[in-house]
Amino acid sequence: MIERILVVCVGNICRSPMAESLLRQALPGRVLASAGMGAPTGEPADPVAVELMQARDLDISRHRARRLQGAMIAESDLVLVMELSQQRQLEQQYPLARGKIFRLCESIKADVADPYRQGRKAFEEAFRLIEQGVESWTARITALDARGRPSGR
């Protein structure tokens, strides 16, 4: 059963906080967190990301960036990254975590490009892909949950 989910990007101020918030809404009862491989620790979420989430009644205004630590990966059942290069880097850095690190948009074989300092249109495109990835992973996790339940016999 997938209980603990970690979402990773570079800075933990745009993509991963948006994905974390959407996953938290879609999968209540799970432990969700996000971190960045090069996060500016303590920085707030990007204002454009905050606006996009507010438009969907989700508040990430209190989010503060955290730098990825090995313990975060070890404690997670599933680690979702934004880009294939991030997946490969983490699998190389944490070989015991292979098999639980995946791209958020793996179902469509797509990376979610970093919208940082790219303007609102880039944020909207990133959000669209993040939303698609969250929907796909939510369906997969829900299906796994259903298979893991006792049949009642």
C-alpha atoms as a PDB file:
ATOM      1  CA  MET A   1       0.000   0.000   0.000  1.00  0.00           C
ATOM      2  CA  ILE A   2       1.287   3.443  -0.893  1.00  0.00           C
ATOM      3  CA  GLU A   3       0.945   5.631   2.190  1.00  0.00           C
ATOM      4  CA  ARG A   4       3.899   8.023   2.013  1.00  0.00           C
ATOM      5  CA  ILE A   5       4.439  10.011  -1.200  1.00  0.00           C
ATOM      6  CA  LEU A   6       7.279  12.437  -1.855  1.00  0.00           C
ATOM      7  CA  VAL A   7       7.229  14.847  -4.810  1.00  0.00           C
ATOM      8  CA  VAL A   8      10.580  16.184  -5.998  1.00  0.00           C
ATOM      9  CA  CYS A   9      11.689  18.935  -8.366  1.00  0.00           C
ATOM     10  CA  VAL A  10      14.670  21.294  -8.411  1.00  0.00           C
ATOM     11  CA  GLY A  11      13.714  24.265  -6.255  1.00  0.00           C
ATOM     12  CA  ASN A  12      10.591  23.081  -4.412  1.00  0.00           C
ATOM     13  CA  ILE A  13       8.923  26.428  -5.084  1.00  0.00           C
ATOM     14  CA  CYS A  14       6.909  25.755  -8.276  1.00  0.00           C
ATOM     15  CA  ARG A  15       6.213  22.247  -9.563  1.00  0.00           C
ATOM     16  CA  SER A  16       6.514  20.008  -6.518  1.00  0.00           C
ATOM     17  CA  PRO A  17       4.399  22.164  -4.178  1.00  0.00           C
ATOM     18  CA  MET A  18       1.631  22.285  -6.809  1.00  0.00           C
ATOM     19  CA  ALA A  19       1.779  18.508  -7.309  1.00  0.00           C
ATOM     20  CA  GLU A  20       1.915  17.867  -3.561  1.00  0.00           C
ATOM     21  CA  SER A  21      -1.195  19.980  -3.007  1.00  0.00           C
ATOM     22  CA  LEU A  22      -3.151  18.301  -5.822  1.00  0.00           C
ATOM     23  CA  LEU A  23      -2.147  14.831  -4.600  1.00  0.00           C
ATOM     24  CA  ARG A  24      -3.122  15.702  -1.024  1.00  0.00           C
ATOM     25  CA  GLN A  25      -6.569  16.700  -2.292  1.00  0.00           C
ATOM     26  CA  ALA A  26      -6.929  13.598  -4.497  1.00  0.00           C
ATOM     27  CA  LEU A  27      -5.575  11.079  -1.984  1.00  0.00           C
ATOM     28  CA  PRO A  28      -6.782  12.071   1.487  1.00  0.00           C
ATOM     29  CA  GLY A  29      -5.273  10.133   4.354  1.00  0.00           C
ATOM     30  CA  ARG A  30      -1.856   9.768   2.705  1.00  0.00           C
ATOM     31  CA  VAL A  31       1.302  11.383   4.037  1.00  0.00           C
ATOM     32  CA  LEU A  32       2.471  13.803   1.351  1.00  0.00           C
ATOM     33  CA  ALA A  33       5.606  15.900   1.198  1.00  0.00           C
ATOM     34  CA  SER A  34       7.734  17.696  -1.344  1.00  0.00           C
ATOM     35  CA  ALA A  35      11.368  18.699  -1.609  1.00  0.00           C
ATOM     36  CA  GLY A  36      13.862  20.110  -4.078  1.00  0.00           C
ATOM     37  CA  MET A  37      17.189  18.743  -5.233  1.00  0.00           C
ATOM     38  CA  GLY A  38      18.625  22.261  -5.102  1.00  0.00           C
ATOM     39  CA  ALA A  39      15.976  23.992  -3.016  1.00  0.00           C
ATOM     40  CA  PRO A  40      16.539  27.469  -1.614  1.00  0.00           C
ATOM     41  CA  THR A  41      15.578  26.328   1.883  1.00  0.00           C
ATOM     42  CA  GLY A  42      12.873  28.423   3.505  1.00  0.00           C
ATOM     43  CA  GLU A  43      11.788  30.278   0.359  1.00  0.00           C
ATOM     44  CA  PRO A  44       8.035  30.562  -0.282  1.00  0.00           C
ATOM     45  CA  ALA A  45       6.253  29.091  -3.273  1.00  0.00           C
ATOM     46  CA  ASP A  46       6.471  31.163  -6.437  1.00  0.00           C
ATOM     47  CA  PRO A  47       3.658  33.768  -6.555  1.00  0.00           C
ATOM     48  CA  VAL A  48       2.399  32.488  -9.926  1.00  0.00           C
ATOM     49  CA  ALA A  49       2.159  28.937  -8.534  1.00  0.00           C
ATOM     50  CA  VAL A  50       0.280  30.295  -5.515  1.00  0.00           C
ATOM     51  CA  GLU A  51      -2.176  32.124  -7.827  1.00  0.00           C
ATOM     52  CA  LEU A  52      -2.795  29.048  -9.996  1.00  0.00           C
ATOM     53  CA  MET A  53      -3.514  26.939  -6.938  1.00  0.00           C
ATOM     54  CA  GLN A  54      -5.742  29.595  -5.347  1.00  0.00           C
ATOM     55  CA  ALA A  55      -7.854  29.581  -8.523  1.00  0.00           C
ATOM     56  CA  ARG A  56      -8.567  25.912  -7.680  1.00  0.00           C
ATOM     57  CA  ASP A  57      -9.257  26.630  -3.999  1.00  0.00           C
ATOM     58  CA  LEU A  58      -5.918  25.174  -2.894  1.00  0.00           C
ATOM     59  CA  ASP A  59      -3.591  27.203  -0.683  1.00  0.00           C
ATOM     60  CA  ILE A  60       0.174  26.771  -0.962  1.00  0.00           C
ATOM     61  CA  SER A  61       0.969  30.255   0.365  1.00  0.00           C
ATOM     62  CA  ARG A  62       2.441  28.828   3.584  1.00  0.00           C
ATOM     63  CA  HIS A  63       4.716  26.407   1.730  1.00  0.00           C
ATOM     64  CA  ARG A  64       8.447  26.776   2.338  1.00  0.00           C
ATOM     65  CA  ALA A  65      11.106  25.092   0.217  1.00  0.00           C
ATOM     66  CA  ARG A  66      12.966  22.109   1.650  1.00  0.00           C
ATOM     67  CA  ARG A  67      16.139  20.527   0.325  1.00  0.00           C
ATOM     68  CA  LEU A  68      15.902  16.832  -0.476  1.00  0.00           C
ATOM     69  CA  GLN A  69      17.512  14.502   2.069  1.00  0.00           C
ATOM     70  CA  GLY A  70      18.178  10.791   1.699  1.00  0.00           C
ATOM     71  CA  ALA A  71      15.975  10.012   4.694  1.00  0.00           C
ATOM     72  CA  MET A  72      13.000  11.531   2.869  1.00  0.00           C
ATOM     73  CA  ILE A  73      13.446   9.050   0.032  1.00  0.00           C
ATOM     74  CA  ALA A  74      14.021   6.133   2.401  1.00  0.00           C
ATOM     75  CA  GLU A  75      10.810   6.905   4.320  1.00  0.00           C
ATOM     76  CA  SER A  76       8.673   7.235   1.177  1.00  0.00           C
ATOM     77  CA  ASP A  77       6.731   4.473  -0.556  1.00  0.00           C
ATOM     78  CA  LEU A  78       6.630   6.453  -3.811  1.00  0.00           C
ATOM     79  CA  VAL A  79       8.840   9.280  -5.072  1.00  0.00           C
ATOM     80  CA  LEU A  80       7.525  11.315  -8.004  1.00  0.00           C
ATOM     81  CA  VAL A  81       9.906  13.532  -9.954  1.00  0.00           C
ATOM     82  CA  MET A  82       9.261  16.003 -12.748  1.00  0.00           C
ATOM     83  CA  GLU A  83      11.903  14.941 -15.260  1.00  0.00           C
ATOM     84  CA  LEU A  84      13.527  11.723 -16.452  1.00  0.00           C
ATOM     85  CA  SER A  85      16.955  13.209 -15.690  1.00  0.00           C
ATOM     86  CA  GLN A  86      15.885  13.698 -12.058  1.00  0.00           C
ATOM     87  CA  GLN A  87      14.725  10.084 -11.867  1.00  0.00           C
ATOM     88  CA  ARG A  88      18.053   8.849 -13.203  1.00  0.00           C
ATOM     89  CA  GLN A  89      20.031  11.113 -10.875  1.00  0.00           C
ATOM     90  CA  LEU A  90      18.117   9.969  -7.788  1.00  0.00           C
ATOM     91  CA  GLU A  91      18.333   6.300  -8.788  1.00  0.00           C
ATOM     92  CA  GLN A  92      22.094   6.699  -9.163  1.00  0.00           C
ATOM     93  CA  GLN A  93      22.426   8.579  -5.881  1.00  0.00           C
ATOM     94  CA  TYR A  94      20.037   6.270  -3.973  1.00  0.00           C
ATOM     95  CA  PRO A  95      20.270   2.843  -5.680  1.00  0.00           C
ATOM     96  CA  LEU A  96      18.170   1.137  -2.987  1.00  0.00           C
ATOM     97  CA  ALA A  97      15.258   3.400  -3.966  1.00  0.00           C
ATOM     98  CA  ARG A  98      15.073   2.064  -7.528  1.00  0.00           C
ATOM     99  CA  GLY A  99      11.582   0.829  -8.231  1.00  0.00           C
ATOM    100  CA  LYS A 100       9.884   3.553  -6.197  1.00  0.00           C
ATOM    101  CA  ILE A 101      11.113   6.616  -8.107  1.00  0.00           C
ATOM    102  CA  PHE A 102       8.996   7.575 -11.122  1.00  0.00           C
ATOM    103  CA  ARG A 103       8.210  10.593 -13.271  1.00  0.00           C
ATOM    104  CA  LEU A 104       4.936  12.281 -12.411  1.00  0.00           C
ATOM    105  CA  CYS A 105       3.922  12.167 -16.086  1.00  0.00           C
ATOM    106  CA  GLU A 106       5.283   8.684 -16.780  1.00  0.00           C
ATOM    107  CA  SER A 107       1.929   7.586 -18.220  1.00  0.00           C
ATOM    108  CA  ILE A 108       2.421   9.963 -21.160  1.00  0.00           C
ATOM    109  CA  LYS A 109       6.239   9.724 -21.174  1.00  0.00           C
ATOM    110  CA  ALA A 110       6.579  13.452 -20.548  1.00  0.00           C
ATOM    111  CA  ASP A 111       8.719  15.718 -18.428  1.00  0.00           C
ATOM    112  CA  VAL A 112       7.195  18.694 -16.640  1.00  0.00           C
ATOM    113  CA  ALA A 113       9.462  21.577 -17.638  1.00  0.00           C
ATOM    114  CA  ASP A 114      10.535  23.991 -14.923  1.00  0.00           C
ATOM    115  CA  PRO A 115       8.455  27.177 -15.287  1.00  0.00           C
ATOM    116  CA  TYR A 116      10.626  29.202 -12.891  1.00  0.00           C
ATOM    117  CA  ARG A 117      11.207  32.701 -14.331  1.00  0.00           C
ATOM    118  CA  GLN A 118       9.483  31.665 -17.579  1.00  0.00           C
ATOM    119  CA  GLY A 119       6.236  33.609 -17.250  1.00  0.00           C
ATOM    120  CA  ARG A 120       2.638  32.663 -16.571  1.00  0.00           C
ATOM    121  CA  LYS A 121       2.152  30.635 -19.774  1.00  0.00           C
ATOM    122  CA  ALA A 122       4.976  28.261 -18.741  1.00  0.00           C
ATOM    123  CA  PHE A 123       3.375  27.877 -15.308  1.00  0.00           C
ATOM    124  CA  GLU A 124       0.010  27.103 -16.875  1.00  0.00           C
ATOM    125  CA  GLU A 125       1.575  24.437 -19.110  1.00  0.00           C
ATOM    126  CA  ALA A 126       3.433  22.923 -16.145  1.00  0.00           C
ATOM    127  CA  PHE A 127       0.219  22.920 -14.123  1.00  0.00           C
ATOM    128  CA  ARG A 128      -1.678  21.222 -16.953  1.00  0.00           C
ATOM    129  CA  LEU A 129       0.884  18.415 -17.067  1.00  0.00           C
ATOM    130  CA  ILE A 130       1.035  18.162 -13.266  1.00  0.00           C
ATOM    131  CA  GLU A 131      -2.742  17.840 -13.132  1.00  0.00           C
ATOM    132  CA  GLN A 132      -2.619  15.087 -15.754  1.00  0.00           C
ATOM    133  CA  GLY A 133       0.129  13.256 -13.868  1.00  0.00           C
ATOM    134  CA  VAL A 134      -1.745  13.524 -10.572  1.00  0.00           C
ATOM    135  CA  GLU A 135      -4.898  12.104 -12.165  1.00  0.00           C
ATOM    136  CA  SER A 136      -2.941   9.166 -13.595  1.00  0.00           C
ATOM    137  CA  TRP A 137      -1.137   8.367 -10.340  1.00  0.00           C
ATOM    138  CA  THR A 138      -4.346   8.760  -8.325  1.00  0.00           C
ATOM    139  CA  ALA A 139      -6.034   6.157 -10.523  1.00  0.00           C
ATOM    140  CA  ARG A 140      -3.047   3.789 -10.220  1.00  0.00           C
ATOM    141  CA  ILE A 141      -2.792   4.148  -6.447  1.00  0.00           C
ATOM    142  CA  THR A 142      -6.547   3.735  -6.003  1.00  0.00           C
ATOM    143  CA  ALA A 143      -6.459   0.569  -8.149  1.00  0.00           C
ATOM    144  CA  LEU A 144      -3.586  -0.816  -6.062  1.00  0.00           C
ATOM    145  CA  ASP A 145      -5.541  -0.069  -2.886  1.00  0.00           C
ATOM    146  CA  ALA A 146      -8.567  -1.948  -4.232  1.00  0.00           C
ATOM    147  CA  ARG A 147      -6.448  -5.001  -5.085  1.00  0.00           C
ATOM    148  CA  GLY A 148      -4.831  -4.971  -1.649  1.00  0.00           C
ATOM    149  CA  ARG A 149      -8.096  -5.071   0.301  1.00  0.00           C
ATOM    150  CA  PRO A 150      -9.335  -8.373   1.723  1.00  0.00           C
ATOM    151  CA  SER A 151     -12.136  -9.927  -0.335  1.00  0.00           C
ATOM    152  CA  GLY A 152     -14.342 -10.491   2.727  1.00  0.00           C
ATOM    153  CA  ARG A 153     -13.938 -14.261   2.842  1.00  0.00           C
END
